[in-house]
Structures are given as C-alpha cells and as structure tokens.
C-alpha cells in the first residue's frame, strides 16, 4: 500500500513562511508527477504546485512568485516552500503523486495564516 505522509503545517502570521514536506513510500514506482493541492471548506481541491519526473514545475496563479515546489529524489520527498503567506492561503494542503497506474493522496495538513 503506497503511503504519502505530510508534515509541516501549522499556524503562521501573515507575511510569514512555512515548509510542507511529503514523504512518499518506496514501494510507489513509476512516479510521473508530484504535487500539492489545497482545499477550502466546501470547495473542491485546487492545484497549488506540481513537479514532473523531468523537473518541470507549474503553479497556481495565486501562489506564483510566493511558493516553490522541490523534490529530493534520494529521500523520495516533495516539499512546498511557502513565503509571504496570506490569510487566503489558509486551507488544508494535500500531497499528490501520480504514476502510470493511479494517483495517490496524503491525509492533508492544515495551514492557518492569521495574526
């Protein structure tokens, strides 16, 4: 059973920074894309950022220039570096991984931006 374990969420003041990390179990083979999504209450999940196996990245419009996605192939992790956080970034953030067979989700981690 493939597992994605997220860490790093929490409470931060506006303008602050957080780093989310997702550890992907070693038995998940053939990864094509790793990414982060977020979900507001009562809304569908939306893409925050992704990184492909080739290293290409993409970002949602609202986080461009503030968030950076990175991966560590050796550790099998994908991180989301979030800077200049705004109250509108408050949401549950989910790690997502896709391979040739399926896509997998983490359990979610809460990020709250508030003074």
C-alpha atoms as a PDB file:
ATOM      1  CA  UNK A   1       0.000   0.000   0.000  1.00  0.00           C
ATOM      2  CA  UNK A   2       1.546   3.267  -1.140  1.00  0.00           C
ATOM      3  CA  UNK A   3       1.696   5.938   1.531  1.00  0.00           C
ATOM      4  CA  UNK A   4       2.161   9.682   1.464  1.00  0.00           C
ATOM      5  CA  UNK A   5       2.887  11.304   4.808  1.00  0.00           C
ATOM      6  CA  UNK A   6       2.719  15.084   5.074  1.00  0.00           C
ATOM      7  CA  UNK A   7       4.266  17.295   7.718  1.00  0.00           C
ATOM      8  CA  UNK A   8       4.958  20.948   8.378  1.00  0.00           C
ATOM      9  CA  UNK A   9       1.542  22.555   8.599  1.00  0.00           C
ATOM     10  CA  UNK A  10       0.550  24.909  11.377  1.00  0.00           C
ATOM     11  CA  UNK A  11      -0.249  28.472  12.336  1.00  0.00           C
ATOM     12  CA  UNK A  12       1.737  31.362  10.897  1.00  0.00           C
ATOM     13  CA  UNK A  13       1.285  35.120  10.813  1.00  0.00           C
ATOM     14  CA  UNK A  14       0.606  36.960   7.556  1.00  0.00           C
ATOM     15  CA  UNK A  15       3.838  37.540   5.693  1.00  0.00           C
ATOM     16  CA  UNK A  16       5.449  34.520   7.286  1.00  0.00           C
ATOM     17  CA  UNK A  17       6.789  31.295   5.800  1.00  0.00           C
ATOM     18  CA  UNK A  18       6.167  27.580   6.151  1.00  0.00           C
ATOM     19  CA  UNK A  19       7.582  24.483   4.540  1.00  0.00           C
ATOM     20  CA  UNK A  20       5.413  21.467   3.892  1.00  0.00           C
ATOM     21  CA  UNK A  21       7.051  18.115   3.303  1.00  0.00           C
ATOM     22  CA  UNK A  22       5.633  14.895   1.875  1.00  0.00           C
ATOM     23  CA  UNK A  23       7.392  11.566   2.306  1.00  0.00           C
ATOM     24  CA  UNK A  24       6.448   9.021  -0.351  1.00  0.00           C
ATOM     25  CA  UNK A  25       6.725   5.312   0.395  1.00  0.00           C
ATOM     26  CA  UNK A  26       9.417   3.479  -1.537  1.00  0.00           C
ATOM     27  CA  UNK A  27       7.007   0.924  -2.974  1.00  0.00           C
ATOM     28  CA  UNK A  28       5.351   3.555  -5.150  1.00  0.00           C
ATOM     29  CA  UNK A  29       7.052   3.067  -8.511  1.00  0.00           C
ATOM     30  CA  UNK A  30       6.912   4.866 -11.820  1.00  0.00           C
ATOM     31  CA  UNK A  31       6.132   8.296 -10.404  1.00  0.00           C
ATOM     32  CA  UNK A  32       5.344  10.806 -13.129  1.00  0.00           C
ATOM     33  CA  UNK A  33       4.173  13.877 -11.222  1.00  0.00           C
ATOM     34  CA  UNK A  34       4.323  15.019  -7.610  1.00  0.00           C
ATOM     35  CA  UNK A  35       2.335  17.966  -6.373  1.00  0.00           C
ATOM     36  CA  UNK A  36       0.416  19.843  -3.758  1.00  0.00           C
ATOM     37  CA  UNK A  37      -3.257  20.752  -3.711  1.00  0.00           C
ATOM     38  CA  UNK A  38      -5.296  22.696  -1.201  1.00  0.00           C
ATOM     39  CA  UNK A  39      -8.902  22.662  -0.210  1.00  0.00           C
ATOM     40  CA  UNK A  40     -11.087  25.326   1.348  1.00  0.00           C
ATOM     41  CA  UNK A  41     -14.182  24.310   3.344  1.00  0.00           C
ATOM     42  CA  UNK A  42     -16.979  23.372   0.992  1.00  0.00           C
ATOM     43  CA  UNK A  43     -14.787  23.746  -2.090  1.00  0.00           C
ATOM     44  CA  UNK A  44     -13.039  21.351  -4.447  1.00  0.00           C
ATOM     45  CA  UNK A  45      -9.332  20.795  -4.179  1.00  0.00           C
ATOM     46  CA  UNK A  46      -7.274  23.143  -6.291  1.00  0.00           C
ATOM     47  CA  UNK A  47      -3.783  22.762  -7.659  1.00  0.00           C
ATOM     48  CA  UNK A  48      -1.090  24.662  -5.812  1.00  0.00           C
ATOM     49  CA  UNK A  49       2.056  23.372  -7.489  1.00  0.00           C
ATOM     50  CA  UNK A  50       3.454  20.340  -9.292  1.00  0.00           C
ATOM     51  CA  UNK A  51       6.807  18.960 -10.368  1.00  0.00           C
ATOM     52  CA  UNK A  52       7.268  16.311 -13.046  1.00  0.00           C
ATOM     53  CA  UNK A  53       9.750  13.468 -13.177  1.00  0.00           C
ATOM     54  CA  UNK A  54      11.726  15.604 -15.596  1.00  0.00           C
ATOM     55  CA  UNK A  55      11.853  18.503 -13.159  1.00  0.00           C
ATOM     56  CA  UNK A  56       9.341  20.803 -14.845  1.00  0.00           C
ATOM     57  CA  UNK A  57       7.207  22.799 -12.432  1.00  0.00           C
ATOM     58  CA  UNK A  58       3.883  24.581 -12.522  1.00  0.00           C
ATOM     59  CA  UNK A  59       1.997  26.796 -10.069  1.00  0.00           C
ATOM     60  CA  UNK A  60      -1.477  28.050  -9.438  1.00  0.00           C
ATOM     61  CA  UNK A  61      -1.884  31.718 -10.318  1.00  0.00           C
ATOM     62  CA  UNK A  62      -2.484  32.794  -6.734  1.00  0.00           C
ATOM     63  CA  UNK A  63       0.825  31.382  -5.473  1.00  0.00           C
ATOM     64  CA  UNK A  64       3.192  32.209  -8.320  1.00  0.00           C
ATOM     65  CA  UNK A  65       6.234  34.042  -7.040  1.00  0.00           C
ATOM     66  CA  UNK A  66       5.479  33.124  -3.425  1.00  0.00           C
ATOM     67  CA  UNK A  67       5.582  29.310  -3.332  1.00  0.00           C
ATOM     68  CA  UNK A  68       8.265  26.952  -4.600  1.00  0.00           C
ATOM     69  CA  UNK A  69       7.997  23.209  -5.061  1.00  0.00           C
ATOM     70  CA  UNK A  70      11.038  20.977  -4.825  1.00  0.00           C
ATOM     71  CA  UNK A  71      11.806  17.293  -4.619  1.00  0.00           C
ATOM     72  CA  UNK A  72      14.541  15.120  -3.221  1.00  0.00           C
ATOM     73  CA  UNK A  73      14.850  12.003  -5.358  1.00  0.00           C
ATOM     74  CA  UNK A  74      17.190  10.325  -2.884  1.00  0.00           C
ATOM     75  CA  UNK A  75      14.821  10.844   0.058  1.00  0.00           C
ATOM     76  CA  UNK A  76      11.684  10.384  -2.078  1.00  0.00           C
ATOM     77  CA  UNK A  77      10.143  13.568  -0.748  1.00  0.00           C
ATOM     78  CA  UNK A  78       8.427  16.576  -2.248  1.00  0.00           C
ATOM     79  CA  UNK A  79       8.402  19.899  -0.411  1.00  0.00           C
ATOM     80  CA  UNK A  80       6.374  23.067  -0.752  1.00  0.00           C
ATOM     81  CA  UNK A  81       8.158  26.220   0.382  1.00  0.00           C
ATOM     82  CA  UNK A  82       5.573  28.894   1.118  1.00  0.00           C
ATOM     83  CA  UNK A  83       6.623  32.511   1.547  1.00  0.00           C
ATOM     84  CA  UNK A  84       4.746  35.762   2.051  1.00  0.00           C
ATOM     85  CA  UNK A  85       1.761  33.840   3.295  1.00  0.00           C
ATOM     86  CA  UNK A  86      -1.649  35.499   3.220  1.00  0.00           C
ATOM     87  CA  UNK A  87      -4.832  34.735   5.139  1.00  0.00           C
ATOM     88  CA  UNK A  88      -6.275  33.480   1.830  1.00  0.00           C
ATOM     89  CA  UNK A  89      -3.700  30.669   1.906  1.00  0.00           C
ATOM     90  CA  UNK A  90      -5.468  29.166   4.907  1.00  0.00           C
ATOM     91  CA  UNK A  91      -6.600  25.699   3.823  1.00  0.00           C
ATOM     92  CA  UNK A  92      -5.908  22.005   4.149  1.00  0.00           C
ATOM     93  CA  UNK A  93      -2.968  21.091   1.940  1.00  0.00           C
ATOM     94  CA  UNK A  94      -2.696  17.671   0.331  1.00  0.00           C
ATOM     95  CA  UNK A  95       0.255  15.916  -1.224  1.00  0.00           C
ATOM     96  CA  UNK A  96      -0.495  14.185  -4.522  1.00  0.00           C
ATOM     97  CA  UNK A  97       1.531  11.680  -6.534  1.00  0.00           C
ATOM     98  CA  UNK A  98       0.679  10.143  -9.881  1.00  0.00           C
ATOM     99  CA  UNK A  99       2.240   7.172 -11.624  1.00  0.00           C
ATOM    100  CA  UNK A 100       1.213   5.156 -14.676  1.00  0.00           C
ATOM    101  CA  UNK A 101      -1.440   3.298 -12.696  1.00  0.00           C
ATOM    102  CA  UNK A 102      -3.172   5.718 -10.353  1.00  0.00           C
ATOM    103  CA  UNK A 103      -2.902   8.828  -8.247  1.00  0.00           C
ATOM    104  CA  UNK A 104      -2.387   8.877  -4.511  1.00  0.00           C
ATOM    105  CA  UNK A 105      -3.183  11.387  -1.805  1.00  0.00           C
ATOM    106  CA  UNK A 106      -1.832  12.200   1.599  1.00  0.00           C
ATOM    107  CA  UNK A 107      -4.041  12.711   4.623  1.00  0.00           C
ATOM    108  CA  UNK A 108      -3.805  16.507   4.482  1.00  0.00           C
ATOM    109  CA  UNK A 109      -2.196  19.074   6.732  1.00  0.00           C
ATOM    110  CA  UNK A 110      -3.806  22.273   7.976  1.00  0.00           C
ATOM    111  CA  UNK A 111      -2.178  25.614   7.227  1.00  0.00           C
ATOM    112  CA  UNK A 112      -3.621  28.626   9.023  1.00  0.00           C
ATOM    113  CA  UNK A 113      -2.428  32.151   8.298  1.00  0.00           C
ATOM    114  CA  UNK A 114      -3.671  34.532  10.940  1.00  0.00           C
ATOM    115  CA  UNK A 115      -2.469  37.270  13.252  1.00  0.00           C
END
